[in-house]
Amino acid sequence: MIKLTGLSKEEVCEISKQIADAFYDYKYNDEDQGIIKYIKSRDDMFVYMNAITQAVYNSGLLYTTSENREGFLMLSGVGVFAV
């Protein structure tokens, strides 16, 4: 786990886009449509995930799984949100 620091606003936005795309493109089953049932467009998903990602990064709680940034971890007071 590598803490992300020193990123530009553009880099954080790109991470937000990758996270939003992962949630938007995920193949949910019919019974549980996940967050897609509340956020209907890719642009709206980006706005939602960008707000979360910016807040987590600004709080010093955004991590990646490796130097290649295959995944991201957002720490919170009660657990970890992994993408």
PDB file of N, CA and C in Angstrom:
ATOM      1  N   MET A   1       0.856  -1.158   0.000  1.00  0.00           N
ATOM      2  CA  MET A   1       0.000   0.000   0.000  1.00  0.00           C
ATOM      3  C   MET A   1       0.905   1.224   0.000  1.00  0.00           C
ATOM      4  N   ILE A   2       0.660   2.129  -0.948  1.00  0.00           N
ATOM      5  CA  ILE A   2       1.488   3.324  -1.112  1.00  0.00           C
ATOM      6  C   ILE A   2       0.597   4.561  -0.970  1.00  0.00           C
ATOM      7  N   LYS A   3       0.950   5.430  -0.039  1.00  0.00           N
ATOM      8  CA  LYS A   3       0.193   6.667   0.159  1.00  0.00           C
ATOM      9  C   LYS A   3       0.471   7.606  -1.013  1.00  0.00           C
ATOM     10  N   LEU A   4      -0.584   8.184  -1.566  1.00  0.00           N
ATOM     11  CA  LEU A   4      -0.433   9.122  -2.676  1.00  0.00           C
ATOM     12  C   LEU A   4      -0.290  10.539  -2.127  1.00  0.00           C
ATOM     13  N   THR A   5       0.814  11.178  -2.485  1.00  0.00           N
ATOM     14  CA  THR A   5       1.082  12.549  -2.076  1.00  0.00           C
ATOM     15  C   THR A   5       1.671  13.306  -3.252  1.00  0.00           C
ATOM     16  N   GLY A   6       1.598  14.616  -3.189  1.00  0.00           N
ATOM     17  CA  GLY A   6       2.228  15.454  -4.200  1.00  0.00           C
ATOM     18  C   GLY A   6       1.583  15.395  -5.573  1.00  0.00           C
ATOM     19  N   LEU A   7       0.331  14.961  -5.642  1.00  0.00           N
ATOM     20  CA  LEU A   7      -0.351  14.870  -6.936  1.00  0.00           C
ATOM     21  C   LEU A   7      -0.923  16.225  -7.341  1.00  0.00           C
ATOM     22  N   SER A   8      -0.971  16.459  -8.641  1.00  0.00           N
ATOM     23  CA  SER A   8      -1.626  17.665  -9.153  1.00  0.00           C
ATOM     24  C   SER A   8      -3.138  17.451  -9.133  1.00  0.00           C
ATOM     25  N   LYS A   9      -3.885  18.540  -9.272  1.00  0.00           N
ATOM     26  CA  LYS A   9      -5.349  18.429  -9.340  1.00  0.00           C
ATOM     27  C   LYS A   9      -5.764  17.566 -10.526  1.00  0.00           C
ATOM     28  N   GLU A  10      -5.011  17.664 -11.623  1.00  0.00           N
ATOM     29  CA  GLU A  10      -5.318  16.872 -12.814  1.00  0.00           C
ATOM     30  C   GLU A  10      -5.116  15.379 -12.547  1.00  0.00           C
ATOM     31  N   GLU A  11      -4.064  15.046 -11.810  1.00  0.00           N
ATOM     32  CA  GLU A  11      -3.810  13.636 -11.480  1.00  0.00           C
ATOM     33  C   GLU A  11      -4.906  13.067 -10.579  1.00  0.00           C
ATOM     34  N   VAL A  12      -5.344  13.857  -9.624  1.00  0.00           N
ATOM     35  CA  VAL A  12      -6.421  13.397  -8.741  1.00  0.00           C
ATOM     36  C   VAL A  12      -7.711  13.247  -9.541  1.00  0.00           C
ATOM     37  N   CYS A  13      -7.966  14.156 -10.467  1.00  0.00           N
ATOM     38  CA  CYS A  13      -9.150  14.047 -11.330  1.00  0.00           C
ATOM     39  C   CYS A  13      -9.081  12.785 -12.192  1.00  0.00           C
ATOM     40  N   GLU A  14      -7.914  12.442 -12.687  1.00  0.00           N
ATOM     41  CA  GLU A  14      -7.762  11.230 -13.499  1.00  0.00           C
ATOM     42  C   GLU A  14      -8.029   9.989 -12.655  1.00  0.00           C
ATOM     43  N   ILE A  15      -7.563   9.974 -11.423  1.00  0.00           N
ATOM     44  CA  ILE A  15      -7.859   8.859 -10.524  1.00  0.00           C
ATOM     45  C   ILE A  15      -9.366   8.790 -10.279  1.00  0.00           C
ATOM     46  N   SER A  16      -9.992   9.945 -10.062  1.00  0.00           N
ATOM     47  CA  SER A  16     -11.448   9.998  -9.873  1.00  0.00           C
ATOM     48  C   SER A  16     -12.171   9.413 -11.072  1.00  0.00           C
ATOM     49  N   LYS A  17     -11.687   9.731 -12.270  1.00  0.00           N
ATOM     50  CA  LYS A  17     -12.310   9.217 -13.496  1.00  0.00           C
ATOM     51  C   LYS A  17     -12.169   7.699 -13.567  1.00  0.00           C
ATOM     52  N   GLN A  18     -11.003   7.184 -13.218  1.00  0.00           N
ATOM     53  CA  GLN A  18     -10.796   5.736 -13.240  1.00  0.00           C
ATOM     54  C   GLN A  18     -11.724   5.037 -12.245  1.00  0.00           C
ATOM     55  N   ILE A  19     -11.870   5.615 -11.065  1.00  0.00           N
ATOM     56  CA  ILE A  19     -12.758   5.038 -10.053  1.00  0.00           C
ATOM     57  C   ILE A  19     -14.208   5.109 -10.520  1.00  0.00           C
ATOM     58  N   ALA A  20     -14.616   6.259 -11.041  1.00  0.00           N
ATOM     59  CA  ALA A  20     -15.988   6.416 -11.534  1.00  0.00           C
ATOM     60  C   ALA A  20     -16.279   5.426 -12.654  1.00  0.00           C
ATOM     61  N   ASP A  21     -15.350   5.269 -13.576  1.00  0.00           N
ATOM     62  CA  ASP A  21     -15.544   4.317 -14.678  1.00  0.00           C
ATOM     63  C   ASP A  21     -15.674   2.890 -14.159  1.00  0.00           C
ATOM     64  N   ALA A  22     -14.879   2.545 -13.145  1.00  0.00           N
ATOM     65  CA  ALA A  22     -14.954   1.192 -12.579  1.00  0.00           C
ATOM     66  C   ALA A  22     -16.333   0.936 -11.980  1.00  0.00           C
ATOM     67  N   PHE A  23     -16.872   1.899 -11.262  1.00  0.00           N
ATOM     68  CA  PHE A  23     -18.204   1.732 -10.688  1.00  0.00           C
ATOM     69  C   PHE A  23     -19.283   1.744 -11.765  1.00  0.00           C
ATOM     70  N   TYR A  24     -19.135   2.614 -12.746  1.00  0.00           N
ATOM     71  CA  TYR A  24     -20.160   2.723 -13.792  1.00  0.00           C
ATOM     72  C   TYR A  24     -20.180   1.490 -14.695  1.00  0.00           C
ATOM     73  N   ASP A  25     -19.025   0.939 -14.988  1.00  0.00           N
ATOM     74  CA  ASP A  25     -18.923  -0.196 -15.912  1.00  0.00           C
ATOM     75  C   ASP A  25     -19.108  -1.558 -15.241  1.00  0.00           C
ATOM     76  N   TYR A  26     -19.128  -1.594 -13.925  1.00  0.00           N
ATOM     77  CA  TYR A  26     -19.263  -2.867 -13.209  1.00  0.00           C
ATOM     78  C   TYR A  26     -20.591  -3.528 -13.576  1.00  0.00           C
ATOM     79  N   LYS A  27     -20.559  -4.826 -13.808  1.00  0.00           N
ATOM     80  CA  LYS A  27     -21.760  -5.584 -14.179  1.00  0.00           C
ATOM     81  C   LYS A  27     -22.473  -6.065 -12.919  1.00  0.00           C
ATOM     82  N   TYR A  28     -23.405  -5.250 -12.444  1.00  0.00           N
ATOM     83  CA  TYR A  28     -24.183  -5.601 -11.266  1.00  0.00           C
ATOM     84  C   TYR A  28     -25.217  -6.661 -11.642  1.00  0.00           C
ATOM     85  N   ASN A  29     -25.616  -7.493 -10.671  1.00  0.00           N
ATOM     86  CA  ASN A  29     -26.681  -8.452 -10.961  1.00  0.00           C
ATOM     87  C   ASN A  29     -28.031  -7.742 -10.917  1.00  0.00           C
ATOM     88  N   ASP A  30     -29.056  -8.397 -11.441  1.00  0.00           N
ATOM     89  CA  ASP A  30     -30.378  -7.764 -11.551  1.00  0.00           C
ATOM     90  C   ASP A  30     -30.990  -7.406 -10.201  1.00  0.00           C
ATOM     91  N   GLU A  31     -30.721  -8.222  -9.178  1.00  0.00           N
ATOM     92  CA  GLU A  31     -31.306  -7.973  -7.868  1.00  0.00           C
ATOM     93  C   GLU A  31     -30.641  -6.817  -7.134  1.00  0.00           C
ATOM     94  N   ASP A  32     -29.375  -6.611  -7.380  1.00  0.00           N
ATOM     95  CA  ASP A  32     -28.633  -5.556  -6.693  1.00  0.00           C
ATOM     96  C   ASP A  32     -27.903  -4.728  -7.736  1.00  0.00           C
ATOM     97  N   GLN A  33     -28.452  -3.601  -8.073  1.00  0.00           N
ATOM     98  CA  GLN A  33     -27.841  -2.765  -9.100  1.00  0.00           C
ATOM     99  C   GLN A  33     -26.811  -1.806  -8.523  1.00  0.00           C
ATOM    100  N   GLY A  34     -26.522  -1.967  -7.239  1.00  0.00           N
ATOM    101  CA  GLY A  34     -25.489  -1.144  -6.617  1.00  0.00           C
ATOM    102  C   GLY A  34     -25.779   0.337  -6.740  1.00  0.00           C
ATOM    103  N   ILE A  35     -24.747   1.094  -6.862  1.00  0.00           N
ATOM    104  CA  ILE A  35     -24.855   2.552  -6.913  1.00  0.00           C
ATOM    105  C   ILE A  35     -25.480   3.043  -8.228  1.00  0.00           C
ATOM    106  N   ILE A  36     -25.460   2.185  -9.244  1.00  0.00           N
ATOM    107  CA  ILE A  36     -26.019   2.565 -10.553  1.00  0.00           C
ATOM    108  C   ILE A  36     -27.505   2.896 -10.461  1.00  0.00           C
ATOM    109  N   LYS A  37     -28.213   2.293  -9.518  1.00  0.00           N
ATOM    110  CA  LYS A  37     -29.644   2.594  -9.393  1.00  0.00           C
ATOM    111  C   LYS A  37     -29.881   4.027  -8.922  1.00  0.00           C
ATOM    112  N   TYR A  38     -28.861   4.658  -8.364  1.00  0.00           N
ATOM    113  CA  TYR A  38     -28.985   6.038  -7.889  1.00  0.00           C
ATOM    114  C   TYR A  38     -28.289   7.048  -8.800  1.00  0.00           C
ATOM    115  N   ILE A  39     -27.254   6.618  -9.484  1.00  0.00           N
ATOM    116  CA  ILE A  39     -26.471   7.518 -10.330  1.00  0.00           C
ATOM    117  C   ILE A  39     -26.547   6.979 -11.753  1.00  0.00           C
ATOM    118  N   LYS A  40     -27.294   7.648 -12.593  1.00  0.00           N
ATOM    119  CA  LYS A  40     -27.670   7.091 -13.895  1.00  0.00           C
ATOM    120  C   LYS A  40     -26.709   7.387 -15.046  1.00  0.00           C
ATOM    121  N   SER A  41     -25.866   8.415 -14.932  1.00  0.00           N
ATOM    122  CA  SER A  41     -24.988   8.737 -16.062  1.00  0.00           C
ATOM    123  C   SER A  41     -23.522   8.664 -15.649  1.00  0.00           C
ATOM    124  N   ARG A  42     -22.651   8.435 -16.619  1.00  0.00           N
ATOM    125  CA  ARG A  42     -21.212   8.388 -16.366  1.00  0.00           C
ATOM    126  C   ARG A  42     -20.724   9.731 -15.816  1.00  0.00           C
ATOM    127  N   ASP A  43     -21.238  10.827 -16.352  1.00  0.00           N
ATOM    128  CA  ASP A  43     -20.835  12.152 -15.872  1.00  0.00           C
ATOM    129  C   ASP A  43     -21.234  12.364 -14.411  1.00  0.00           C
ATOM    130  N   ASP A  44     -22.443  11.943 -14.050  1.00  0.00           N
ATOM    131  CA  ASP A  44     -22.883  12.071 -12.661  1.00  0.00           C
ATOM    132  C   ASP A  44     -22.041  11.188 -11.742  1.00  0.00           C
ATOM    133  N   MET A  45     -21.653  10.006 -12.216  1.00  0.00           N
ATOM    134  CA  MET A  45     -20.797   9.125 -11.421  1.00  0.00           C
ATOM    135  C   MET A  45     -19.451   9.795 -11.176  1.00  0.00           C
ATOM    136  N   PHE A  46     -18.912  10.456 -12.208  1.00  0.00           N
ATOM    137  CA  PHE A  46     -17.636  11.161 -12.040  1.00  0.00           C
ATOM    138  C   PHE A  46     -17.761  12.278 -11.007  1.00  0.00           C
ATOM    139  N   VAL A  47     -18.818  13.067 -11.093  1.00  0.00           N
ATOM    140  CA  VAL A  47     -19.001  14.163 -10.136  1.00  0.00           C
ATOM    141  C   VAL A  47     -19.033  13.614  -8.707  1.00  0.00           C
ATOM    142  N   TYR A  48     -19.772  12.533  -8.508  1.00  0.00           N
ATOM    143  CA  TYR A  48     -19.889  11.917  -7.185  1.00  0.00           C
ATOM    144  C   TYR A  48     -18.538  11.384  -6.703  1.00  0.00           C
ATOM    145  N   MET A  49     -17.878  10.589  -7.525  1.00  0.00           N
ATOM    146  CA  MET A  49     -16.611   9.982  -7.130  1.00  0.00           C
ATOM    147  C   MET A  49     -15.488  11.011  -7.026  1.00  0.00           C
ATOM    148  N   ASN A  50     -15.541  12.042  -7.854  1.00  0.00           N
ATOM    149  CA  ASN A  50     -14.517  13.090  -7.785  1.00  0.00           C
ATOM    150  C   ASN A  50     -14.593  13.819  -6.447  1.00  0.00           C
ATOM    151  N   ALA A  51     -15.795  14.102  -5.980  1.00  0.00           N
ATOM    152  CA  ALA A  51     -15.943  14.776  -4.681  1.00  0.00           C
ATOM    153  C   ALA A  51     -15.354  13.920  -3.567  1.00  0.00           C
ATOM    154  N   ILE A  52     -15.643  12.620  -3.598  1.00  0.00           N
ATOM    155  CA  ILE A  52     -15.120  11.719  -2.571  1.00  0.00           C
ATOM    156  C   ILE A  52     -13.597  11.617  -2.679  1.00  0.00           C
ATOM    157  N   THR A  53     -13.095  11.415  -3.891  1.00  0.00           N
ATOM    158  CA  THR A  53     -11.660  11.240  -4.093  1.00  0.00           C
ATOM    159  C   THR A  53     -10.886  12.495  -3.687  1.00  0.00           C
ATOM    160  N   GLN A  54     -11.386  13.658  -4.069  1.00  0.00           N
ATOM    161  CA  GLN A  54     -10.726  14.917  -3.688  1.00  0.00           C
ATOM    162  C   GLN A  54     -10.678  15.056  -2.173  1.00  0.00           C
ATOM    163  N   ALA A  55     -11.788  14.766  -1.497  1.00  0.00           N
ATOM    164  CA  ALA A  55     -11.834  14.892  -0.039  1.00  0.00           C
ATOM    165  C   ALA A  55     -10.872  13.913   0.632  1.00  0.00           C
ATOM    166  N   VAL A  56     -10.851  12.678   0.145  1.00  0.00           N
ATOM    167  CA  VAL A  56      -9.966  11.662   0.720  1.00  0.00           C
ATOM    168  C   VAL A  56      -8.504  12.038   0.485  1.00  0.00           C
ATOM    169  N   TYR A  57      -8.182  12.471  -0.733  1.00  0.00           N
ATOM    170  CA  TYR A  57      -6.799  12.866  -1.038  1.00  0.00           C
ATOM    171  C   TYR A  57      -6.378  14.058  -0.167  1.00  0.00           C
ATOM    172  N   ASN A  58      -7.240  15.069  -0.090  1.00  0.00           N
ATOM    173  CA  ASN A  58      -6.920  16.255   0.705  1.00  0.00           C
ATOM    174  C   ASN A  58      -6.781  15.933   2.191  1.00  0.00           C
ATOM    175  N   SER A  59      -7.396  14.854   2.625  1.00  0.00           N
ATOM    176  CA  SER A  59      -7.284  14.411   4.019  1.00  0.00           C
ATOM    177  C   SER A  59      -6.070  13.519   4.257  1.00  0.00           C
ATOM    178  N   GLY A  60      -5.328  13.204   3.180  1.00  0.00           N
ATOM    179  CA  GLY A  60      -4.147  12.369   3.309  1.00  0.00           C
ATOM    180  C   GLY A  60      -4.454  10.897   3.477  1.00  0.00           C
ATOM    181  N   LEU A  61      -5.597  10.456   2.952  1.00  0.00           N
ATOM    182  CA  LEU A  61      -6.041   9.080   3.152  1.00  0.00           C
ATOM    183  C   LEU A  61      -6.236   8.298   1.861  1.00  0.00           C
ATOM    184  N   LEU A  62      -5.605   8.743   0.762  1.00  0.00           N
ATOM    185  CA  LEU A  62      -5.712   8.030  -0.513  1.00  0.00           C
ATOM    186  C   LEU A  62      -4.428   7.250  -0.770  1.00  0.00           C
ATOM    187  N   TYR A  63      -4.596   5.959  -1.011  1.00  0.00           N
ATOM    188  CA  TYR A  63      -3.483   5.046  -1.240  1.00  0.00           C
ATOM    189  C   TYR A  63      -3.702   4.289  -2.548  1.00  0.00           C
ATOM    190  N   THR A  64      -2.619   3.736  -3.064  1.00  0.00           N
ATOM    191  CA  THR A  64      -2.704   2.869  -4.229  1.00  0.00           C
ATOM    192  C   THR A  64      -2.093   1.515  -3.872  1.00  0.00           C
ATOM    193  N   THR A  65      -2.410   0.528  -4.680  1.00  0.00           N
ATOM    194  CA  THR A  65      -1.968  -0.835  -4.381  1.00  0.00           C
ATOM    195  C   THR A  65      -0.517  -1.082  -4.773  1.00  0.00           C
ATOM    196  N   SER A  66       0.009  -0.299  -5.742  1.00  0.00           N
ATOM    197  CA  SER A  66       1.393  -0.481  -6.177  1.00  0.00           C
ATOM    198  C   SER A  66       1.840   0.737  -6.967  1.00  0.00           C
ATOM    199  N   GLU A  67       3.088   0.719  -7.386  1.00  0.00           N
ATOM    200  CA  GLU A  67       3.617   1.799  -8.231  1.00  0.00           C
ATOM    201  C   GLU A  67       2.847   1.908  -9.545  1.00  0.00           C
ATOM    202  N   ASN A  68       2.234   0.802  -9.990  1.00  0.00           N
ATOM    203  CA  ASN A  68       1.469   0.797 -11.239  1.00  0.00           C
ATOM    204  C   ASN A  68       0.046   1.315 -11.071  1.00  0.00           C
ATOM    205  N   ARG A  69      -0.361   1.565  -9.840  1.00  0.00           N
ATOM    206  CA  ARG A  69      -1.692   2.104  -9.534  1.00  0.00           C
ATOM    207  C   ARG A  69      -2.828   1.272 -10.133  1.00  0.00           C
ATOM    208  N   GLU A  70      -2.780  -0.050  -9.907  1.00  0.00           N
ATOM    209  CA  GLU A  70      -3.859  -0.918 -10.401  1.00  0.00           C
ATOM    210  C   GLU A  70      -5.146  -0.730  -9.618  1.00  0.00           C
ATOM    211  N   GLY A  71      -5.043  -0.288  -8.392  1.00  0.00           N
ATOM    212  CA  GLY A  71      -6.213  -0.100  -7.538  1.00  0.00           C
ATOM    213  C   GLY A  71      -5.946   1.006  -6.542  1.00  0.00           C
ATOM    214  N   PHE A  72      -7.015   1.446  -5.913  1.00  0.00           N
ATOM    215  CA  PHE A  72      -6.915   2.551  -4.963  1.00  0.00           C
ATOM    216  C   PHE A  72      -7.623   2.183  -3.677  1.00  0.00           C
ATOM    217  N   LEU A  73      -7.127   2.701  -2.569  1.00  0.00           N
ATOM    218  CA  LEU A  73      -7.712   2.492  -1.250  1.00  0.00           C
ATOM    219  C   LEU A  73      -7.993   3.843  -0.637  1.00  0.00           C
ATOM    220  N   MET A  74      -9.192   3.991  -0.093  1.00  0.00           N
ATOM    221  CA  MET A  74      -9.578   5.213   0.604  1.00  0.00           C
ATOM    222  C   MET A  74      -9.851   4.824   2.043  1.00  0.00           C
ATOM    223  N   LEU A  75      -9.038   5.315   2.952  1.00  0.00           N
ATOM    224  CA  LEU A  75      -9.200   4.975   4.354  1.00  0.00           C
ATOM    225  C   LEU A  75     -10.253   5.860   5.005  1.00  0.00           C
ATOM    226  N   SER A  76     -10.939   5.279   5.966  1.00  0.00           N
ATOM    227  CA  SER A  76     -11.916   6.041   6.739  1.00  0.00           C
ATOM    228  C   SER A  76     -11.773   5.633   8.196  1.00  0.00           C
ATOM    229  N   GLY A  77     -12.564   6.232   9.053  1.00  0.00           N
ATOM    230  CA  GLY A  77     -12.489   5.920  10.463  1.00  0.00           C
ATOM    231  C   GLY A  77     -13.002   4.539  10.818  1.00  0.00           C
ATOM    232  N   VAL A  78     -13.809   3.948   9.936  1.00  0.00           N
ATOM    233  CA  VAL A  78     -14.426   2.666  10.255  1.00  0.00           C
ATOM    234  C   VAL A  78     -13.976   1.538   9.331  1.00  0.00           C
ATOM    235  N   GLY A  79     -13.122   1.818   8.381  1.00  0.00           N
ATOM    236  CA  GLY A  79     -12.682   0.755   7.482  1.00  0.00           C
ATOM    237  C   GLY A  79     -12.017   1.298   6.239  1.00  0.00           C
ATOM    238  N   VAL A  80     -11.928   0.440   5.232  1.00  0.00           N
ATOM    239  CA  VAL A  80     -11.263   0.784   3.981  1.00  0.00           C
ATOM    240  C   VAL A  80     -12.247   0.621   2.839  1.00  0.00           C
ATOM    241  N   PHE A  81     -12.216   1.560   1.911  1.00  0.00           N
ATOM    242  CA  PHE A  81     -13.016   1.523   0.694  1.00  0.00           C
ATOM    243  C   PHE A  81     -12.040   1.243  -0.424  1.00  0.00           C
ATOM    244  N   ALA A  82     -12.096   0.060  -1.016  1.00  0.00           N
ATOM    245  CA  ALA A  82     -11.121  -0.325  -2.039  1.00  0.00           C
ATOM    246  C   ALA A  82     -11.760  -0.340  -3.421  1.00  0.00           C
ATOM    247  N   VAL A  83     -10.989   0.154  -4.394  1.00  0.00           N
ATOM    248  CA  VAL A  83     -11.438   0.138  -5.785  1.00  0.00           C
ATOM    249  C   VAL A  83     -10.314  -0.420  -6.625  1.00  0.00           C
TER     250      VAL A  83
END
